[in-house]
Structures are given as C-alpha cells and as structure tokens.
C-alpha atoms as a PDB file:
ATOM      1  CA  UNK A   1      -2.955 -23.993  -2.650  1.00  0.00           C
ATOM      2  CA  UNK A   2      -1.694 -20.945  -0.943  1.00  0.00           C
ATOM      3  CA  UNK A   3      -4.053 -17.913   0.305  1.00  0.00           C
ATOM      4  CA  UNK A   4      -2.949 -14.717  -1.626  1.00  0.00           C
ATOM      5  CA  UNK A   5      -0.929 -13.784  -4.123  1.00  0.00           C
ATOM      6  CA  UNK A   6       0.010 -10.088  -4.184  1.00  0.00           C
ATOM      7  CA  UNK A   7       1.227  -8.141  -7.300  1.00  0.00           C
ATOM      8  CA  UNK A   8       2.726  -4.718  -6.272  1.00  0.00           C
ATOM      9  CA  UNK A   9       4.338  -2.113  -8.302  1.00  0.00           C
ATOM     10  CA  UNK A  10       7.684  -1.969  -6.250  1.00  0.00           C
ATOM     11  CA  UNK A  11      10.001  -3.212  -3.487  1.00  0.00           C
ATOM     12  CA  UNK A  12       8.896  -0.440  -0.944  1.00  0.00           C
ATOM     13  CA  UNK A  13       5.113  -1.054  -1.704  1.00  0.00           C
ATOM     14  CA  UNK A  14       5.915  -5.024  -0.796  1.00  0.00           C
ATOM     15  CA  UNK A  15       7.875  -4.522   2.606  1.00  0.00           C
ATOM     16  CA  UNK A  16       5.197  -1.781   3.789  1.00  0.00           C
ATOM     17  CA  UNK A  17       2.316  -4.785   2.996  1.00  0.00           C
ATOM     18  CA  UNK A  18       4.651  -7.262   4.462  1.00  0.00           C
ATOM     19  CA  UNK A  19       5.071  -5.271   7.598  1.00  0.00           C
ATOM     20  CA  UNK A  20       1.060  -4.996   7.827  1.00  0.00           C
ATOM     21  CA  UNK A  21       0.499  -8.613   7.108  1.00  0.00           C
ATOM     22  CA  UNK A  22       2.820 -10.106   9.574  1.00  0.00           C
ATOM     23  CA  UNK A  23       0.287  -8.340  12.193  1.00  0.00           C
ATOM     24  CA  UNK A  24      -2.711 -10.655  11.466  1.00  0.00           C
ATOM     25  CA  UNK A  25      -4.284  -9.743  14.927  1.00  0.00           C
ATOM     26  CA  UNK A  26      -4.065  -5.986  14.251  1.00  0.00           C
ATOM     27  CA  UNK A  27      -5.647  -6.395  10.755  1.00  0.00           C
ATOM     28  CA  UNK A  28      -8.648  -8.989  11.828  1.00  0.00           C
ATOM     29  CA  UNK A  29      -7.543 -11.662  10.243  1.00  0.00           C
ATOM     30  CA  UNK A  30      -5.961 -15.486  10.612  1.00  0.00           C
ATOM     31  CA  UNK A  31      -2.523 -15.945   9.728  1.00  0.00           C
ATOM     32  CA  UNK A  32      -2.391 -16.535   6.154  1.00  0.00           C
ATOM     33  CA  UNK A  33       0.125 -17.943   3.387  1.00  0.00           C
ATOM     34  CA  UNK A  34       1.189 -15.315   0.974  1.00  0.00           C
ATOM     35  CA  UNK A  35       3.376 -14.690  -2.009  1.00  0.00           C
ATOM     36  CA  UNK A  36       4.413 -11.326  -3.651  1.00  0.00           C
ATOM     37  CA  UNK A  37       5.330 -10.551  -7.097  1.00  0.00           C
ATOM     38  CA  UNK A  38       6.743  -7.016  -8.184  1.00  0.00           C
ATOM     39  CA  UNK A  39       5.914  -6.170 -11.682  1.00  0.00           C
ATOM     40  CA  UNK A  40       9.248  -4.758 -13.747  1.00  0.00           C
ATOM     41  CA  UNK A  41       7.273  -1.963 -15.030  1.00  0.00           C
ATOM     42  CA  UNK A  42       5.811  -0.412 -11.504  1.00  0.00           C
ATOM     43  CA  UNK A  43       2.473   1.196 -11.422  1.00  0.00           C
ATOM     44  CA  UNK A  44       1.800   1.456 -15.075  1.00  0.00           C
ATOM     45  CA  UNK A  45       2.704  -2.374 -15.902  1.00  0.00           C
ATOM     46  CA  UNK A  46       0.368  -3.257 -13.016  1.00  0.00           C
ATOM     47  CA  UNK A  47      -2.126  -1.362 -14.398  1.00  0.00           C
ATOM     48  CA  UNK A  48      -1.633  -2.696 -18.206  1.00  0.00           C
ATOM     49  CA  UNK A  49      -0.754  -6.178 -17.590  1.00  0.00           C
ATOM     50  CA  UNK A  50      -1.325  -6.777 -13.841  1.00  0.00           C
ATOM     51  CA  UNK A  51      -4.649  -8.767 -14.386  1.00  0.00           C
ATOM     52  CA  UNK A  52      -3.177 -10.804 -17.121  1.00  0.00           C
ATOM     53  CA  UNK A  53      -0.387 -11.341 -15.014  1.00  0.00           C
ATOM     54  CA  UNK A  54      -2.357 -12.935 -12.127  1.00  0.00           C
ATOM     55  CA  UNK A  55      -4.591 -14.633 -13.962  1.00  0.00           C
ATOM     56  CA  UNK A  56      -1.635 -17.054 -14.748  1.00  0.00           C
ATOM     57  CA  UNK A  57      -1.260 -17.722 -11.093  1.00  0.00           C
ATOM     58  CA  UNK A  58      -5.035 -18.773 -10.473  1.00  0.00           C
ATOM     59  CA  UNK A  59      -4.507 -22.189  -9.879  1.00  0.00           C
ATOM     60  CA  UNK A  60      -1.626 -21.683  -7.349  1.00  0.00           C
ATOM     61  CA  UNK A  61      -3.717 -19.188  -5.220  1.00  0.00           C
ATOM     62  CA  UNK A  62      -7.362 -19.095  -3.704  1.00  0.00           C
ATOM     63  CA  UNK A  63      -7.181 -14.879  -3.837  1.00  0.00           C
ATOM     64  CA  UNK A  64      -5.081 -12.160  -5.670  1.00  0.00           C
ATOM     65  CA  UNK A  65      -4.450  -8.628  -4.980  1.00  0.00           C
ATOM     66  CA  UNK A  66      -3.364  -5.930  -7.319  1.00  0.00           C
ATOM     67  CA  UNK A  67      -1.769  -3.313  -5.930  1.00  0.00           C
ATOM     68  CA  UNK A  68      -0.546   0.263  -7.096  1.00  0.00           C
ATOM     69  CA  UNK A  69      -0.299   3.805  -6.770  1.00  0.00           C
ATOM     70  CA  UNK A  70      -2.545   6.129  -8.706  1.00  0.00           C
ATOM     71  CA  UNK A  71       0.134   8.621  -9.375  1.00  0.00           C
ATOM     72  CA  UNK A  72       2.350   7.368 -11.825  1.00  0.00           C
ATOM     73  CA  UNK A  73       0.028   4.906 -13.693  1.00  0.00           C
ATOM     74  CA  UNK A  74      -0.655   6.629 -16.543  1.00  0.00           C
ATOM     75  CA  UNK A  75      -4.093   6.107 -16.221  1.00  0.00           C
ATOM     76  CA  UNK A  76      -6.937   8.413 -17.777  1.00  0.00           C
ATOM     77  CA  UNK A  77      -9.352   7.280 -14.898  1.00  0.00           C
ATOM     78  CA  UNK A  78     -10.258  10.680 -12.722  1.00  0.00           C
ATOM     79  CA  UNK A  79      -9.774   8.742  -9.509  1.00  0.00           C
ATOM     80  CA  UNK A  80      -8.523   6.068  -7.637  1.00  0.00           C
ATOM     81  CA  UNK A  81     -11.735   4.129  -7.416  1.00  0.00           C
ATOM     82  CA  UNK A  82     -12.617   4.652 -10.793  1.00  0.00           C
ATOM     83  CA  UNK A  83      -9.220   3.080 -11.735  1.00  0.00           C
ATOM     84  CA  UNK A  84      -9.762   0.191  -8.998  1.00  0.00           C
ATOM     85  CA  UNK A  85     -13.477  -0.490 -10.825  1.00  0.00           C
ATOM     86  CA  UNK A  86     -11.892  -1.087 -14.235  1.00  0.00           C
ATOM     87  CA  UNK A  87      -9.312  -3.347 -12.856  1.00  0.00           C
ATOM     88  CA  UNK A  88     -11.805  -5.487 -10.667  1.00  0.00           C
ATOM     89  CA  UNK A  89     -13.784  -5.961 -13.711  1.00  0.00           C
ATOM     90  CA  UNK A  90     -10.677  -7.377 -15.556  1.00  0.00           C
ATOM     91  CA  UNK A  91      -9.844  -9.573 -12.380  1.00  0.00           C
ATOM     92  CA  UNK A  92     -13.275 -10.852 -12.261  1.00  0.00           C
ATOM     93  CA  UNK A  93     -12.996 -12.625 -15.899  1.00  0.00           C
ATOM     94  CA  UNK A  94     -10.458 -15.269 -14.116  1.00  0.00           C
ATOM     95  CA  UNK A  95     -10.979 -14.831 -10.308  1.00  0.00           C
ATOM     96  CA  UNK A  96     -14.584 -14.078  -9.916  1.00  0.00           C
ATOM     97  CA  UNK A  97     -14.954 -12.284  -6.454  1.00  0.00           C
ATOM     98  CA  UNK A  98     -11.867 -14.144  -5.306  1.00  0.00           C
ATOM     99  CA  UNK A  99      -9.424 -10.934  -6.437  1.00  0.00           C
ATOM    100  CA  UNK A 100      -9.408  -7.274  -5.732  1.00  0.00           C
ATOM    101  CA  UNK A 101      -7.528  -4.317  -7.195  1.00  0.00           C
ATOM    102  CA  UNK A 102      -6.319  -1.586  -4.564  1.00  0.00           C
ATOM    103  CA  UNK A 103      -5.268   1.996  -5.994  1.00  0.00           C
ATOM    104  CA  UNK A 104      -3.508   4.020  -3.327  1.00  0.00           C
ATOM    105  CA  UNK A 105      -4.510   7.946  -3.695  1.00  0.00           C
ATOM    106  CA  UNK A 106      -1.797   9.588  -4.449  1.00  0.00           C
ATOM    107  CA  UNK A 107       0.784   7.123  -3.409  1.00  0.00           C
ATOM    108  CA  UNK A 108       1.918   4.307  -0.875  1.00  0.00           C
ATOM    109  CA  UNK A 109       4.004   6.941   1.362  1.00  0.00           C
ATOM    110  CA  UNK A 110       0.505   8.326   2.391  1.00  0.00           C
ATOM    111  CA  UNK A 111       0.174   5.248   4.566  1.00  0.00           C
ATOM    112  CA  UNK A 112       3.379   6.018   6.235  1.00  0.00           C
ATOM    113  CA  UNK A 113       1.794   9.162   7.832  1.00  0.00           C
ATOM    114  CA  UNK A 114      -0.339   7.252  10.079  1.00  0.00           C
ATOM    115  CA  UNK A 115       1.173   7.911  13.231  1.00  0.00           C
ATOM    116  CA  UNK A 116       3.647  10.310  14.739  1.00  0.00           C
ATOM    117  CA  UNK A 117       5.073   7.866  17.185  1.00  0.00           C
ATOM    118  CA  UNK A 118       5.648   5.407  14.521  1.00  0.00           C
ATOM    119  CA  UNK A 119       7.396   7.660  12.669  1.00  0.00           C
ATOM    120  CA  UNK A 120       9.481   8.884  15.586  1.00  0.00           C
ATOM    121  CA  UNK A 121      10.073   5.749  16.689  1.00  0.00           C
ATOM    122  CA  UNK A 122      11.641   4.454  13.265  1.00  0.00           C
ATOM    123  CA  UNK A 123      13.168   7.609  11.893  1.00  0.00           C
ATOM    124  CA  UNK A 124      14.616   8.839  15.295  1.00  0.00           C
ATOM    125  CA  UNK A 125      13.176  12.630  14.739  1.00  0.00           C
ATOM    126  CA  UNK A 126      10.583  13.904  17.078  1.00  0.00           C
ATOM    127  CA  UNK A 127       8.193  16.924  15.689  1.00  0.00           C
ATOM    128  CA  UNK A 128       8.505  15.512  12.006  1.00  0.00           C
ATOM    129  CA  UNK A 129       5.321  17.489  11.155  1.00  0.00           C
ATOM    130  CA  UNK A 130       6.017  20.795  12.471  1.00  0.00           C
ATOM    131  CA  UNK A 131       9.504  20.780  11.091  1.00  0.00           C
ATOM    132  CA  UNK A 132       8.145  19.536   7.607  1.00  0.00           C
ATOM    133  CA  UNK A 133       5.894  22.799   7.897  1.00  0.00           C
ATOM    134  CA  UNK A 134       8.664  24.874   8.573  1.00  0.00           C
ATOM    135  CA  UNK A 135       9.881  23.594   5.082  1.00  0.00           C
ATOM    136  CA  UNK A 136       7.269  24.861   3.386  1.00  0.00           C
ATOM    137  CA  UNK A 137       5.182  21.667   3.201  1.00  0.00           C
ATOM    138  CA  UNK A 138       1.372  21.644   3.197  1.00  0.00           C
ATOM    139  CA  UNK A 139      -0.784  18.918   4.658  1.00  0.00           C
ATOM    140  CA  UNK A 140      -4.300  17.611   4.155  1.00  0.00           C
ATOM    141  CA  UNK A 141      -7.161  18.214   6.760  1.00  0.00           C
ATOM    142  CA  UNK A 142      -6.242  14.574   7.940  1.00  0.00           C
ATOM    143  CA  UNK A 143      -2.707  16.379   9.075  1.00  0.00           C
ATOM    144  CA  UNK A 144      -0.847  14.237   6.143  1.00  0.00           C
ATOM    145  CA  UNK A 145       1.556  15.627   3.864  1.00  0.00           C
ATOM    146  CA  UNK A 146      -0.119  16.659   0.262  1.00  0.00           C
ATOM    147  CA  UNK A 147       3.231  15.264  -1.235  1.00  0.00           C
ATOM    148  CA  UNK A 148       3.887  12.443   0.946  1.00  0.00           C
ATOM    149  CA  UNK A 149       6.833  10.581  -0.840  1.00  0.00           C
ATOM    150  CA  UNK A 150       8.682  14.021  -1.244  1.00  0.00           C
ATOM    151  CA  UNK A 151       7.759  14.700   2.668  1.00  0.00           C
ATOM    152  CA  UNK A 152       9.421  11.270   3.678  1.00  0.00           C
ATOM    153  CA  UNK A 153      12.475  11.623   1.305  1.00  0.00           C
ATOM    154  CA  UNK A 154      12.901  15.245   2.710  1.00  0.00           C
ATOM    155  CA  UNK A 155      13.341  13.766   6.221  1.00  0.00           C
ATOM    156  CA  UNK A 156      15.593  11.382   5.414  1.00  0.00           C
ATOM    157  CA  UNK A 157      17.861  13.443   3.479  1.00  0.00           C
ATOM    158  CA  UNK A 158      17.841  15.687   6.717  1.00  0.00           C
ATOM    159  CA  UNK A 159      18.815  12.879   8.647  1.00  0.00           C
ATOM    160  CA  UNK A 160      21.424  11.500   6.279  1.00  0.00           C
ATOM    161  CA  UNK A 161      19.616   8.154   5.599  1.00  0.00           C
ATOM    162  CA  UNK A 162      18.815   6.478   2.399  1.00  0.00           C
ATOM    163  CA  UNK A 163      15.429   5.820   1.320  1.00  0.00           C
ATOM    164  CA  UNK A 164      15.211   1.913   1.908  1.00  0.00           C
ATOM    165  CA  UNK A 165      12.293  -0.411   1.738  1.00  0.00           C
ATOM    166  CA  UNK A 166      13.114  -1.727   5.309  1.00  0.00           C
ATOM    167  CA  UNK A 167      11.877   1.675   6.561  1.00  0.00           C
ATOM    168  CA  UNK A 168       8.258   0.862   4.864  1.00  0.00           C
ATOM    169  CA  UNK A 169       8.565  -2.176   6.703  1.00  0.00           C
ATOM    170  CA  UNK A 170       9.233  -0.822   9.990  1.00  0.00           C
ATOM    171  CA  UNK A 171       7.011   1.685   9.780  1.00  0.00           C
ATOM    172  CA  UNK A 172       4.315  -0.355   8.481  1.00  0.00           C
ATOM    173  CA  UNK A 173       5.345  -2.786  11.378  1.00  0.00           C
ATOM    174  CA  UNK A 174       4.091   0.125  14.192  1.00  0.00           C
ATOM    175  CA  UNK A 175       1.436   2.262  12.798  1.00  0.00           C
ATOM    176  CA  UNK A 176      -2.163   1.524  14.166  1.00  0.00           C
ATOM    177  CA  UNK A 177      -3.860  -0.975  11.433  1.00  0.00           C
ATOM    178  CA  UNK A 178      -7.108  -0.406  13.032  1.00  0.00           C
ATOM    179  CA  UNK A 179      -7.202   3.635  13.165  1.00  0.00           C
ATOM    180  CA  UNK A 180      -5.941   3.963   9.693  1.00  0.00           C
ATOM    181  CA  UNK A 181      -8.410   6.125   8.130  1.00  0.00           C
ATOM    182  CA  UNK A 182      -6.871   6.239   4.313  1.00  0.00           C
ATOM    183  CA  UNK A 183      -9.702   5.101   2.014  1.00  0.00           C
ATOM    184  CA  UNK A 184      -7.639   2.684  -0.056  1.00  0.00           C
ATOM    185  CA  UNK A 185      -6.171   0.975   3.309  1.00  0.00           C
ATOM    186  CA  UNK A 186      -9.826   0.436   4.383  1.00  0.00           C
ATOM    187  CA  UNK A 187     -10.848  -0.935   1.069  1.00  0.00           C
ATOM    188  CA  UNK A 188      -7.483  -3.469   1.629  1.00  0.00           C
ATOM    189  CA  UNK A 189      -8.613  -4.160   5.171  1.00  0.00           C
ATOM    190  CA  UNK A 190     -12.096  -4.782   4.229  1.00  0.00           C
ATOM    191  CA  UNK A 191     -11.440  -7.575   1.569  1.00  0.00           C
ATOM    192  CA  UNK A 192      -9.015  -9.318   3.590  1.00  0.00           C
ATOM    193  CA  UNK A 193     -11.408  -9.627   6.439  1.00  0.00           C
ATOM    194  CA  UNK A 194     -13.772 -10.931   4.024  1.00  0.00           C
ATOM    195  CA  UNK A 195     -11.453 -13.613   2.797  1.00  0.00           C
ATOM    196  CA  UNK A 196      -9.753 -14.459   5.975  1.00  0.00           C
ATOM    197  CA  UNK A 197     -11.912 -13.529   9.178  1.00  0.00           C
ATOM    198  CA  UNK A 198      -9.871 -14.383  12.261  1.00  0.00           C
END
C-alpha cells in the first residue's frame, strides 16, 4: 500500500506539487511513496466528482489529497475554506481522517510568487515585481500579484517563453517551503506533517 494519492486539477498543479514533494526535509516530512491523478474536467471536475474518484483508491493508499483552485471551480461557496470543508465531509465517508481537501485561493499560481530569488533563477529576469507594477499589475499586502496566473503569463510572454508545467516544478523546487505564508499551502504542509512526520 502506497502512502499517498493526490487528485489534482491539471498538469501544472501536479508538477508544482512534485517540486515540493521532492524536498521532504523542507516540508518537515519523511520520504513518501505517492502517485498523482489528474482530473480530465479540471477544477470543476475535482469539486464535483473528486471524492468519489478517490473513494475507488481507498484499498491502495493510506492517505488521499484532493487539490484544486477556488477560481474556476464553479462553486457557490463564498471562500476556499468553506468549499474545503464541504469536500472534507464527503472524503470522510470513505477515508475517515486519512484524506483532506486543499482549495487554493484564488489559484495555484499564487504559490509561484513566494520568492523573487526563485523566480529570477528559473525565469532569468531580475526585478519581476517592479516590472509588473510598470505594466499596471496590482499587488496584495503580501506583495503577490492579485492576478497571479495572468502575471506569470505576462512575464513569460515578455521573455518569449511558453507556459509549461516544468516551470512550476522548477519554481516549487527552489522556493522556501518553510517561510511560505499562503493559507492553503500552510494547510497542506500541516496535514502532510501530521501524516508523515519526519
């Protein structure tokens, strides 16, 4: 039986999580055996049929994570935590406390903005945030773009580079996993440490 099954909304999410999970010490966990499933219907599909899909994997894995973006999920929930709680309730039916939903608000790309150094190393462009401000992008109080996906796409377009999943993996492989303050990432790290403490 493997340690963990992760149902994700798309390839970018899978590669970003691979980048993080490849650094168990930085997450504060032991090395684990894990496997990914991508939902063909992306965030909306993860929301509507994700718990049922993961129920089919109960005999093969000790734990399960259902991970999706709040934006694009088609939910009527007012925020990510409300949606997460609904999904957790569904997961409990099969998994008990061995499964967890993580809903990222607004979307995964927010995690890519955790470190200027990591962005510069991977993308090769210094002063990315200053440049984006010149392009009229607005930033949150934590100095992340309000529209993180569009901001990353703008930078890649400026550099003449296609948006690819490997970029997500490289950035997640370099950013500080201990100092990340994104609420969804903190919930993810907390449950991983609870299940797989080093």
